[in-house]
C-alpha atoms as a PDB file:
ATOM      1  CA  MET A   1       0.000   0.000   0.000  1.00  0.00           C
ATOM      2  CA  ASN A   2       1.542   3.337  -1.029  1.00  0.00           C
ATOM      3  CA  ASP A   3       1.415   6.478   1.120  1.00  0.00           C
ATOM      4  CA  ILE A   4      -1.507   8.040  -0.739  1.00  0.00           C
ATOM      5  CA  GLU A   5      -3.545   4.845  -0.489  1.00  0.00           C
ATOM      6  CA  GLN A   6      -2.667   4.537   3.222  1.00  0.00           C
ATOM      7  CA  ASN A   7      -3.601   8.176   3.925  1.00  0.00           C
ATOM      8  CA  LEU A   8      -6.898   7.824   2.060  1.00  0.00           C
ATOM      9  CA  HIS A   9      -7.756   4.679   3.965  1.00  0.00           C
ATOM     10  CA  GLU A  10      -7.047   6.363   7.317  1.00  0.00           C
ATOM     11  CA  ILE A  11      -9.137   9.439   6.468  1.00  0.00           C
ATOM     12  CA  LYS A  12     -12.061   7.438   5.105  1.00  0.00           C
ATOM     13  CA  THR A  13     -12.202   5.365   8.274  1.00  0.00           C
ATOM     14  CA  SER A  14     -12.094   8.532  10.403  1.00  0.00           C
ATOM     15  CA  ILE A  15     -15.058  10.300   8.764  1.00  0.00           C
ATOM     16  CA  PRO A  16     -18.729   9.256   8.912  1.00  0.00           C
ATOM     17  CA  GLU A  17     -20.071   7.376   5.903  1.00  0.00           C
ATOM     18  CA  GLU A  18     -22.494  10.170   5.009  1.00  0.00           C
ATOM     19  CA  VAL A  19     -19.692  12.765   4.694  1.00  0.00           C
ATOM     20  CA  THR A  20     -18.333  13.159   1.148  1.00  0.00           C
ATOM     21  CA  LEU A  21     -14.562  13.274   0.780  1.00  0.00           C
ATOM     22  CA  VAL A  22     -13.180  15.619  -1.884  1.00  0.00           C
ATOM     23  CA  ALA A  23      -9.507  14.821  -2.528  1.00  0.00           C
ATOM     24  CA  VAL A  24      -7.898  18.210  -3.131  1.00  0.00           C
ATOM     25  CA  SER A  25      -5.427  17.440  -5.881  1.00  0.00           C
ATOM     26  CA  LYS A  26      -4.333  20.935  -6.943  1.00  0.00           C
ATOM     27  CA  THR A  27      -0.656  21.165  -7.984  1.00  0.00           C
ATOM     28  CA  LYS A  28      -0.343  17.365  -7.808  1.00  0.00           C
ATOM     29  CA  PRO A  29       0.715  15.273 -10.821  1.00  0.00           C
ATOM     30  CA  VAL A  30      -1.710  12.896 -12.543  1.00  0.00           C
ATOM     31  CA  SER A  31       0.328   9.944 -11.198  1.00  0.00           C
ATOM     32  CA  ASP A  32      -0.608  10.944  -7.620  1.00  0.00           C
ATOM     33  CA  LEU A  33      -4.253  11.338  -8.571  1.00  0.00           C
ATOM     34  CA  MET A  34      -4.189   7.919 -10.224  1.00  0.00           C
ATOM     35  CA  ASN A  35      -2.825   6.403  -6.994  1.00  0.00           C
ATOM     36  CA  ALA A  36      -5.856   7.836  -5.215  1.00  0.00           C
ATOM     37  CA  TYR A  37      -8.159   6.737  -8.050  1.00  0.00           C
ATOM     38  CA  GLU A  38      -6.837   3.177  -7.848  1.00  0.00           C
ATOM     39  CA  ALA A  39      -7.525   3.261  -4.104  1.00  0.00           C
ATOM     40  CA  GLY A  40     -11.173   4.001  -4.911  1.00  0.00           C
ATOM     41  CA  GLN A  41     -11.305   7.813  -4.776  1.00  0.00           C
ATOM     42  CA  ARG A  42     -13.598   9.315  -7.428  1.00  0.00           C
ATOM     43  CA  ILE A  43     -14.052  12.953  -6.347  1.00  0.00           C
ATOM     44  CA  PHE A  44     -11.211  15.396  -6.917  1.00  0.00           C
ATOM     45  CA  GLY A  45     -11.031  19.122  -6.170  1.00  0.00           C
ATOM     46  CA  GLU A  46      -8.940  21.627  -8.106  1.00  0.00           C
ATOM     47  CA  ASN A  47      -8.538  25.381  -7.741  1.00  0.00           C
ATOM     48  CA  LYS A  48      -7.291  26.280 -11.227  1.00  0.00           C
ATOM     49  CA  ILE A  49      -9.574  25.674 -14.196  1.00  0.00           C
ATOM     50  CA  GLN A  50      -6.762  25.102 -16.700  1.00  0.00           C
ATOM     51  CA  GLU A  51      -5.094  22.473 -14.510  1.00  0.00           C
ATOM     52  CA  MET A  52      -8.412  20.742 -13.825  1.00  0.00           C
ATOM     53  CA  THR A  53      -9.256  20.681 -17.557  1.00  0.00           C
ATOM     54  CA  GLU A  54      -5.901  19.127 -18.430  1.00  0.00           C
ATOM     55  CA  LYS A  55      -6.394  16.424 -15.799  1.00  0.00           C
ATOM     56  CA  TRP A  56      -9.972  15.785 -16.919  1.00  0.00           C
ATOM     57  CA  GLU A  57      -8.755  15.245 -20.486  1.00  0.00           C
ATOM     58  CA  THR A  58      -6.225  12.567 -19.501  1.00  0.00           C
ATOM     59  CA  MET A  59      -7.955  10.784 -16.620  1.00  0.00           C
ATOM     60  CA  PRO A  60     -10.821   8.243 -16.425  1.00  0.00           C
ATOM     61  CA  LYS A  61     -14.232   9.679 -17.165  1.00  0.00           C
ATOM     62  CA  ASP A  62     -16.029   8.372 -14.064  1.00  0.00           C
ATOM     63  CA  ILE A  63     -14.314  11.042 -11.951  1.00  0.00           C
ATOM     64  CA  SER A  64     -16.416  13.816 -10.431  1.00  0.00           C
ATOM     65  CA  TRP A  65     -14.511  17.114 -10.714  1.00  0.00           C
ATOM     66  CA  HIS A  66     -15.076  19.866  -8.157  1.00  0.00           C
ATOM     67  CA  MET A  67     -13.874  23.431  -8.672  1.00  0.00           C
ATOM     68  CA  ILE A  68     -12.969  24.616  -5.186  1.00  0.00           C
ATOM     69  CA  GLY A  69     -11.093  27.857  -5.935  1.00  0.00           C
ATOM     70  CA  HIS A  70     -12.274  31.365  -6.693  1.00  0.00           C
ATOM     71  CA  VAL A  71     -13.778  31.451 -10.207  1.00  0.00           C
ATOM     72  CA  GLN A  72     -13.334  34.210 -12.753  1.00  0.00           C
ATOM     73  CA  THR A  73     -16.428  34.584 -14.926  1.00  0.00           C
ATOM     74  CA  ASN A  74     -14.460  34.478 -18.201  1.00  0.00           C
ATOM     75  CA  LYS A  75     -13.019  31.020 -17.325  1.00  0.00           C
ATOM     76  CA  VAL A  76     -16.328  29.235 -16.721  1.00  0.00           C
ATOM     77  CA  LYS A  77     -16.621  28.147 -20.360  1.00  0.00           C
ATOM     78  CA  TYR A  78     -13.546  25.905 -20.097  1.00  0.00           C
ATOM     79  CA  MET A  79     -14.982  23.695 -17.358  1.00  0.00           C
ATOM     80  CA  ALA A  80     -18.664  23.822 -18.347  1.00  0.00           C
ATOM     81  CA  PRO A  81     -18.528  20.541 -20.336  1.00  0.00           C
ATOM     82  CA  PHE A  82     -17.525  18.438 -17.328  1.00  0.00           C
ATOM     83  CA  VAL A  83     -17.430  20.123 -13.903  1.00  0.00           C
ATOM     84  CA  ASP A  84     -19.827  18.548 -11.376  1.00  0.00           C
ATOM     85  CA  LEU A  85     -19.765  21.034  -8.527  1.00  0.00           C
ATOM     86  CA  ILE A  86     -18.496  24.613  -8.205  1.00  0.00           C
ATOM     87  CA  HIS A  87     -17.853  25.371  -4.526  1.00  0.00           C
ATOM     88  CA  ALA A  88     -17.075  29.080  -4.482  1.00  0.00           C
ATOM     89  CA  VAL A  89     -19.993  30.936  -6.070  1.00  0.00           C
ATOM     90  CA  ASP A  90     -20.161  34.427  -4.618  1.00  0.00           C
ATOM     91  CA  SER A  91     -22.214  36.548  -7.037  1.00  0.00           C
ATOM     92  CA  TYR A  92     -25.277  36.576  -9.273  1.00  0.00           C
ATOM     93  CA  LYS A  93     -23.013  37.495 -12.183  1.00  0.00           C
ATOM     94  CA  LEU A  94     -21.072  34.241 -11.757  1.00  0.00           C
ATOM     95  CA  LEU A  95     -24.238  32.141 -11.360  1.00  0.00           C
ATOM     96  CA  LYS A  96     -25.657  33.655 -14.529  1.00  0.00           C
ATOM     97  CA  GLU A  97     -22.484  32.812 -16.486  1.00  0.00           C
ATOM     98  CA  ILE A  98     -22.447  29.221 -15.161  1.00  0.00           C
ATOM     99  CA  ASP A  99     -26.077  28.866 -16.238  1.00  0.00           C
ATOM    100  CA  LYS A 100     -25.315  30.274 -19.697  1.00  0.00           C
ATOM    101  CA  GLN A 101     -22.336  27.949 -20.276  1.00  0.00           C
ATOM    102  CA  ALA A 102     -24.148  24.883 -18.849  1.00  0.00           C
ATOM    103  CA  LYS A 103     -27.002  25.469 -21.337  1.00  0.00           C
ATOM    104  CA  LYS A 104     -24.582  25.110 -24.264  1.00  0.00           C
ATOM    105  CA  TYR A 105     -23.850  21.538 -23.175  1.00  0.00           C
ATOM    106  CA  ASN A 106     -27.411  20.762 -22.088  1.00  0.00           C
ATOM    107  CA  ARG A 107     -26.143  20.229 -18.545  1.00  0.00           C
ATOM    108  CA  THR A 108     -27.127  21.331 -15.075  1.00  0.00           C
ATOM    109  CA  ILE A 109     -24.130  22.394 -12.993  1.00  0.00           C
ATOM    110  CA  ASN A 110     -24.299  22.113  -9.213  1.00  0.00           C
ATOM    111  CA  CYS A 111     -23.107  25.101  -7.201  1.00  0.00           C
ATOM    112  CA  LEU A 112     -22.450  26.057  -3.600  1.00  0.00           C
ATOM    113  CA  LEU A 113     -22.709  29.603  -2.297  1.00  0.00           C
ATOM    114  CA  GLN A 114     -19.501  30.628  -0.560  1.00  0.00           C
ATOM    115  CA  ILE A 115     -20.230  32.311   2.755  1.00  0.00           C
ATOM    116  CA  LYS A 116     -17.543  34.514   4.283  1.00  0.00           C
ATOM    117  CA  ILE A 117     -16.987  33.162   7.784  1.00  0.00           C
ATOM    118  CA  ALA A 118     -13.280  33.905   8.267  1.00  0.00           C
ATOM    119  CA  GLU A 119     -11.988  37.164   9.657  1.00  0.00           C
ATOM    120  CA  GLU A 120      -9.138  37.243   7.149  1.00  0.00           C
ATOM    121  CA  GLU A 121      -9.457  39.866   4.450  1.00  0.00           C
ATOM    122  CA  SER A 122      -8.188  37.492   1.773  1.00  0.00           C
ATOM    123  CA  LYS A 123     -11.176  35.149   1.913  1.00  0.00           C
ATOM    124  CA  PHE A 124     -13.933  35.632  -0.662  1.00  0.00           C
ATOM    125  CA  GLY A 125     -17.597  35.025   0.006  1.00  0.00           C
ATOM    126  CA  LEU A 126     -21.074  36.397   0.526  1.00  0.00           C
ATOM    127  CA  SER A 127     -22.459  37.796   3.745  1.00  0.00           C
ATOM    128  CA  GLU A 128     -25.448  35.901   5.169  1.00  0.00           C
ATOM    129  CA  GLN A 129     -27.766  38.699   4.073  1.00  0.00           C
ATOM    130  CA  ASP A 130     -26.389  38.683   0.525  1.00  0.00           C
ATOM    131  CA  ALA A 131     -26.880  34.905   0.333  1.00  0.00           C
ATOM    132  CA  ILE A 132     -30.509  35.200   1.486  1.00  0.00           C
ATOM    133  CA  THR A 133     -31.130  37.917  -1.095  1.00  0.00           C
ATOM    134  CA  LEU A 134     -29.535  35.838  -3.844  1.00  0.00           C
ATOM    135  CA  LEU A 135     -31.566  32.719  -3.012  1.00  0.00           C
ATOM    136  CA  ASN A 136     -34.799  34.711  -3.015  1.00  0.00           C
ATOM    137  CA  THR A 137     -34.384  36.743  -6.211  1.00  0.00           C
ATOM    138  CA  GLU A 138     -36.581  35.815  -9.151  1.00  0.00           C
ATOM    139  CA  GLU A 139     -33.604  36.038 -11.531  1.00  0.00           C
ATOM    140  CA  VAL A 140     -31.830  33.269  -9.624  1.00  0.00           C
ATOM    141  CA  LYS A 141     -34.983  31.151  -9.369  1.00  0.00           C
ATOM    142  CA  ASN A 142     -35.349  31.434 -13.160  1.00  0.00           C
ATOM    143  CA  LEU A 143     -31.883  30.040 -13.925  1.00  0.00           C
ATOM    144  CA  THR A 144     -32.629  26.629 -15.415  1.00  0.00           C
ATOM    145  CA  ASN A 145     -29.164  25.072 -15.703  1.00  0.00           C
ATOM    146  CA  VAL A 146     -27.687  25.660 -12.271  1.00  0.00           C
ATOM    147  CA  ASN A 147     -28.638  23.909  -9.068  1.00  0.00           C
ATOM    148  CA  ILE A 148     -27.660  25.645  -5.811  1.00  0.00           C
ATOM    149  CA  GLN A 149     -27.009  22.624  -3.603  1.00  0.00           C
ATOM    150  CA  GLY A 150     -25.744  24.230  -0.441  1.00  0.00           C
ATOM    151  CA  LEU A 151     -23.106  26.368   1.225  1.00  0.00           C
ATOM    152  CA  MET A 152     -19.323  26.406   1.435  1.00  0.00           C
ATOM    153  CA  GLY A 153     -17.116  28.153   3.943  1.00  0.00           C
ATOM    154  CA  MET A 154     -13.441  28.404   4.867  1.00  0.00           C
ATOM    155  CA  ALA A 155     -12.382  28.990   8.445  1.00  0.00           C
ATOM    156  CA  THR A 156      -9.581  31.362   9.352  1.00  0.00           C
ATOM    157  CA  PHE A 157      -6.119  29.819   9.042  1.00  0.00           C
ATOM    158  CA  THR A 158      -5.238  29.956  12.737  1.00  0.00           C
ATOM    159  CA  ASN A 159      -4.079  27.867  15.687  1.00  0.00           C
ATOM    160  CA  ASN A 160      -6.928  29.322  17.725  1.00  0.00           C
ATOM    161  CA  GLU A 161      -9.307  26.370  17.814  1.00  0.00           C
ATOM    162  CA  GLN A 162     -12.047  28.352  19.515  1.00  0.00           C
ATOM    163  CA  GLN A 163     -12.160  30.749  16.588  1.00  0.00           C
ATOM    164  CA  ILE A 164     -12.515  27.836  14.140  1.00  0.00           C
ATOM    165  CA  HIS A 165     -15.347  26.406  16.291  1.00  0.00           C
ATOM    166  CA  ASN A 166     -17.102  29.779  16.274  1.00  0.00           C
ATOM    167  CA  GLU A 167     -16.813  30.182  12.491  1.00  0.00           C
ATOM    168  CA  PHE A 168     -18.077  26.666  11.723  1.00  0.00           C
ATOM    169  CA  LYS A 169     -20.886  27.083  14.246  1.00  0.00           C
ATOM    170  CA  LYS A 170     -21.939  30.297  12.513  1.00  0.00           C
ATOM    171  CA  ILE A 171     -22.223  28.781   9.013  1.00  0.00           C
ATOM    172  CA  SER A 172     -23.816  25.607  10.384  1.00  0.00           C
ATOM    173  CA  SER A 173     -26.562  27.632  12.140  1.00  0.00           C
ATOM    174  CA  PHE A 174     -27.119  29.668   8.987  1.00  0.00           C
ATOM    175  CA  PHE A 175     -27.389  26.477   6.889  1.00  0.00           C
ATOM    176  CA  GLU A 176     -29.997  25.039   9.301  1.00  0.00           C
ATOM    177  CA  GLU A 177     -31.909  28.328   9.188  1.00  0.00           C
ATOM    178  CA  LEU A 178     -32.050  28.308   5.364  1.00  0.00           C
ATOM    179  CA  LYS A 179     -33.007  24.660   4.827  1.00  0.00           C
ATOM    180  CA  PRO A 180     -36.717  24.856   5.728  1.00  0.00           C
ATOM    181  CA  LYS A 181     -37.219  27.620   3.128  1.00  0.00           C
ATOM    182  CA  HIS A 182     -34.905  26.174   0.462  1.00  0.00           C
ATOM    183  CA  SER A 183     -35.357  22.407   0.303  1.00  0.00           C
ATOM    184  CA  GLN A 184     -32.681  21.980  -2.393  1.00  0.00           C
ATOM    185  CA  LEU A 185     -29.926  22.875   0.096  1.00  0.00           C
ATOM    186  CA  GLU A 186     -28.315  19.606   1.142  1.00  0.00           C
ATOM    187  CA  VAL A 187     -24.560  20.213   1.090  1.00  0.00           C
ATOM    188  CA  LEU A 188     -22.487  21.978   3.731  1.00  0.00           C
ATOM    189  CA  SER A 189     -18.879  22.000   2.496  1.00  0.00           C
ATOM    190  CA  ILE A 190     -16.706  22.956   5.453  1.00  0.00           C
ATOM    191  CA  GLY A 191     -13.479  21.448   6.761  1.00  0.00           C
ATOM    192  CA  MET A 192     -10.021  20.917   5.287  1.00  0.00           C
ATOM    193  CA  SER A 193      -6.944  18.888   6.323  1.00  0.00           C
ATOM    194  CA  GLY A 194      -6.330  20.855   9.515  1.00  0.00           C
ATOM    195  CA  ASP A 195      -9.886  21.253  10.763  1.00  0.00           C
ATOM    196  CA  TYR A 196     -12.153  18.663   9.140  1.00  0.00           C
ATOM    197  CA  LYS A 197     -12.813  16.796  12.408  1.00  0.00           C
ATOM    198  CA  ILE A 198     -14.125  20.013  13.973  1.00  0.00           C
ATOM    199  CA  ALA A 199     -16.201  20.711  10.832  1.00  0.00           C
ATOM    200  CA  ILE A 200     -17.863  17.287  11.019  1.00  0.00           C
ATOM    201  CA  ASN A 201     -18.994  18.083  14.578  1.00  0.00           C
ATOM    202  CA  TYR A 202     -20.803  21.104  13.102  1.00  0.00           C
ATOM    203  CA  GLY A 203     -22.696  19.114  10.495  1.00  0.00           C
ATOM    204  CA  SER A 204     -20.317  19.215   7.521  1.00  0.00           C
ATOM    205  CA  THR A 205     -21.536  16.926   4.739  1.00  0.00           C
ATOM    206  CA  MET A 206     -18.446  17.450   2.556  1.00  0.00           C
ATOM    207  CA  VAL A 207     -14.777  17.849   3.499  1.00  0.00           C
ATOM    208  CA  ARG A 208     -11.981  19.061   1.224  1.00  0.00           C
ATOM    209  CA  ILE A 209      -8.741  17.299   2.100  1.00  0.00           C
ATOM    210  CA  GLY A 210      -5.447  17.738   0.252  1.00  0.00           C
ATOM    211  CA  SER A 211      -2.181  17.651   2.197  1.00  0.00           C
ATOM    212  CA  SER A 212      -3.343  14.853   4.540  1.00  0.00           C
ATOM    213  CA  ILE A 213      -3.814  12.666   1.447  1.00  0.00           C
ATOM    214  CA  PHE A 214      -1.132  13.824  -1.000  1.00  0.00           C
ATOM    215  CA  GLY A 215       1.458  15.411   1.317  1.00  0.00           C
ATOM    216  CA  ALA A 216       2.507  19.057   1.280  1.00  0.00           C
ATOM    217  CA  ARG A 217       1.460  21.128  -1.702  1.00  0.00           C
ATOM    218  CA  ASN A 218       3.857  21.730  -4.585  1.00  0.00           C
ATOM    219  CA  TYR A 219       4.292  25.392  -5.389  1.00  0.00           C
ATOM    220  CA  GLY A 220       5.880  25.193  -8.818  1.00  0.00           C
END
């Protein structure tokens, strides 16, 4: 059993069955992804559209590709033929473009609204009020080729565990508040390598794990 296979096995046994594992494979070579694939992993997350497209072209077609990074509107067209879930939707403009590009391929693309829960300035995302407004606007309801499946959030990168608890608690409460009014919301994507166990305690249904599977990231 290679390291990647071993790591995957350990993580899968440590998370509940109903929590989806997204293997964050950004910057990693196809050979590493194939090690994970051969160990049974079928969901991969990338943060650059060009890199994800190149991997999609060369890898088996039963893989579900998730775009987890910030998305520029003009790049949507490159991933529209194959992307399964876009995690970081933070504007109506972006939703509208995803809908437009999905139509060209007669597809429905799943999306998550990114909610800003971290205190760091660098994190993108909608405020709770902006998300409520977006979900309730007629323009969004009339988009036929996107499906808003839930929420995504990224906690502050900090050693202060209490802060991480507070941020996950905040998005989890908001998610529970929205669900009765928006029955399509089923996914809460919170938790990464350093904090996924905390996220699961706050109702995460999807964790995004990279370095704990593939080792430290390669900054080429």
